Protein backbone atom coordinates (compact mmCIF):
# COMPACT_ATOMS: atom_id res chain seq x y z
CA VAL A 1 -79.63 -19.62 65.13
CA GLN A 2 -77.63 -22.46 66.60
CA ASP A 3 -75.34 -24.66 64.50
CA ILE A 4 -75.88 -28.29 65.47
CA GLN A 5 -73.57 -29.69 62.78
CA GLN A 6 -70.65 -30.12 65.22
CA SER A 7 -72.66 -32.09 67.76
CA TYR A 8 -74.14 -34.23 64.99
CA ASN A 9 -70.68 -35.10 63.66
CA ARG A 10 -69.45 -36.03 67.14
CA GLY A 11 -72.51 -38.16 67.80
CA LEU A 12 -72.14 -39.94 64.49
CA SER A 13 -68.44 -40.63 65.04
CA TYR A 14 -69.18 -41.94 68.54
CA ALA A 15 -71.92 -44.22 67.20
CA LEU A 16 -69.67 -45.55 64.44
CA SER A 17 -66.69 -46.13 66.73
CA SER A 18 -68.92 -47.81 69.30
CA SER A 19 -70.41 -50.10 66.66
CA VAL A 20 -67.01 -51.03 65.23
CA THR A 21 -65.66 -51.69 68.73
CA GLY A 22 -68.62 -53.95 69.54
CA ILE A 23 -68.14 -55.94 66.34
CA LEU A 24 -64.38 -56.30 66.93
CA LEU A 25 -64.93 -57.47 70.51
CA PHE A 26 -67.50 -60.02 69.30
CA LEU A 27 -65.01 -61.37 66.74
CA LEU A 28 -62.18 -61.37 69.29
CA ASN A 29 -64.36 -63.30 71.73
CA GLY A 30 -65.04 -65.90 69.05
CA PHE A 31 -61.33 -66.11 68.24
CA VAL A 32 -60.39 -66.63 71.90
CA ASN A 33 -62.82 -69.56 72.09
CA PHE A 34 -61.00 -71.36 69.25
CA PRO A 35 -58.66 -74.21 70.20
CA LEU A 36 -55.08 -73.07 70.81
CA VAL A 37 -53.82 -74.85 67.68
CA ALA A 38 -56.29 -72.92 65.50
CA GLN A 39 -55.35 -69.64 67.20
CA ASP A 40 -51.66 -70.30 66.63
CA ALA A 41 -52.21 -71.24 62.99
CA THR A 42 -54.32 -68.15 62.34
CA VAL A 43 -51.82 -65.77 63.94
CA HIS A 44 -48.97 -67.45 62.06
CA MET A 45 -50.80 -67.14 58.72
CA LEU A 46 -51.60 -63.48 59.31
CA ALA A 47 -48.03 -62.69 60.35
CA SER A 48 -46.57 -64.53 57.35
CA ALA A 49 -48.95 -62.79 54.95
CA THR A 50 -48.15 -59.38 56.44
CA VAL A 51 -44.40 -59.87 56.19
CA GLY A 52 -44.65 -61.45 52.75
CA TYR A 53 -46.75 -58.70 51.23
CA THR A 54 -44.56 -56.05 52.85
CA VAL A 55 -41.47 -57.58 51.24
CA LEU A 56 -43.33 -57.84 47.92
CA LEU A 57 -44.33 -54.16 48.13
CA HIS A 58 -40.75 -53.08 48.86
CA THR A 59 -39.42 -55.23 46.01
CA GLN A 60 -41.88 -53.68 43.56
CA LEU A 61 -41.09 -50.17 44.79
CA PHE A 62 -37.38 -50.88 44.43
CA GLY A 63 -38.00 -51.99 40.84
CA VAL A 64 -39.77 -48.73 40.03
CA PHE A 65 -37.18 -46.48 41.70
CA PRO A 66 -34.74 -47.63 44.39
CA ALA A 67 -35.35 -44.64 46.66
CA LEU A 68 -39.07 -45.46 46.81
CA ALA A 69 -38.32 -48.68 48.70
CA PHE A 70 -37.26 -46.59 51.68
CA LEU A 71 -40.21 -44.18 51.55
CA PRO A 72 -42.54 -46.28 53.79
CA LEU A 73 -39.76 -46.65 56.36
CA PHE A 74 -39.11 -42.90 56.28
CA VAL A 75 -42.82 -42.13 56.78
CA CYS A 76 -43.00 -44.56 59.74
CA VAL A 77 -39.92 -42.99 61.35
CA VAL A 78 -41.32 -39.46 60.95
CA VAL A 79 -44.72 -40.47 62.41
CA ALA A 80 -43.03 -42.29 65.31
CA HIS A 81 -40.88 -39.22 65.99
CA PHE A 82 -43.90 -36.94 66.25
CA VAL A 83 -45.85 -39.40 68.40
CA VAL A 84 -42.95 -39.79 70.84
CA THR A 85 -42.36 -36.03 70.88
CA SER A 86 -46.01 -35.24 71.57
CA VAL A 87 -46.14 -37.79 74.40
CA HIS A 88 -42.95 -36.31 75.87
CA VAL A 89 -44.37 -32.77 75.68
CA LYS A 90 -47.63 -33.89 77.33
CA GLN A 91 -45.74 -35.63 80.13
CA LYS A 92 -43.53 -32.60 80.63
CA ALA A 93 -46.60 -30.35 80.85
CA VAL A 94 -48.17 -32.62 83.45
CA HIS A 95 -45.04 -32.62 85.61
CA THR A 96 -44.42 -28.87 85.38
CA VAL A 97 -44.88 -27.26 88.76
CA THR A 98 -45.48 -23.54 89.08
CA PRO A 99 -44.36 -21.74 92.23
CA ARG A 100 -46.96 -20.70 94.77
CA GLY A 101 -48.59 -17.51 93.67
CA GLY A 102 -48.21 -18.31 89.98
CA PRO A 103 -45.59 -17.29 87.44
CA LYS A 104 -44.09 -13.82 87.69
């Protein structure tokens, strides 16, 4: 008896990621065809909303408990640390040279 569940899950995830990528590229293509003024205004509105809601979230967290305002920053720093460390380890593994004849 062969378990096909793993291959089904991989196929489904590939199909979903491919579909989402196609939709995002279609939307990006439409955005690139906008006039430059509309592109600039859209990017500016999105950036302002992102910064504004981030400040609002931190203000509300500070009102609940002051240490909570720094929790998102702490989580981002920890994630960034592990990403940088994993990239460094992968690069180090790629550049490791073993002597001829293999390790002894």
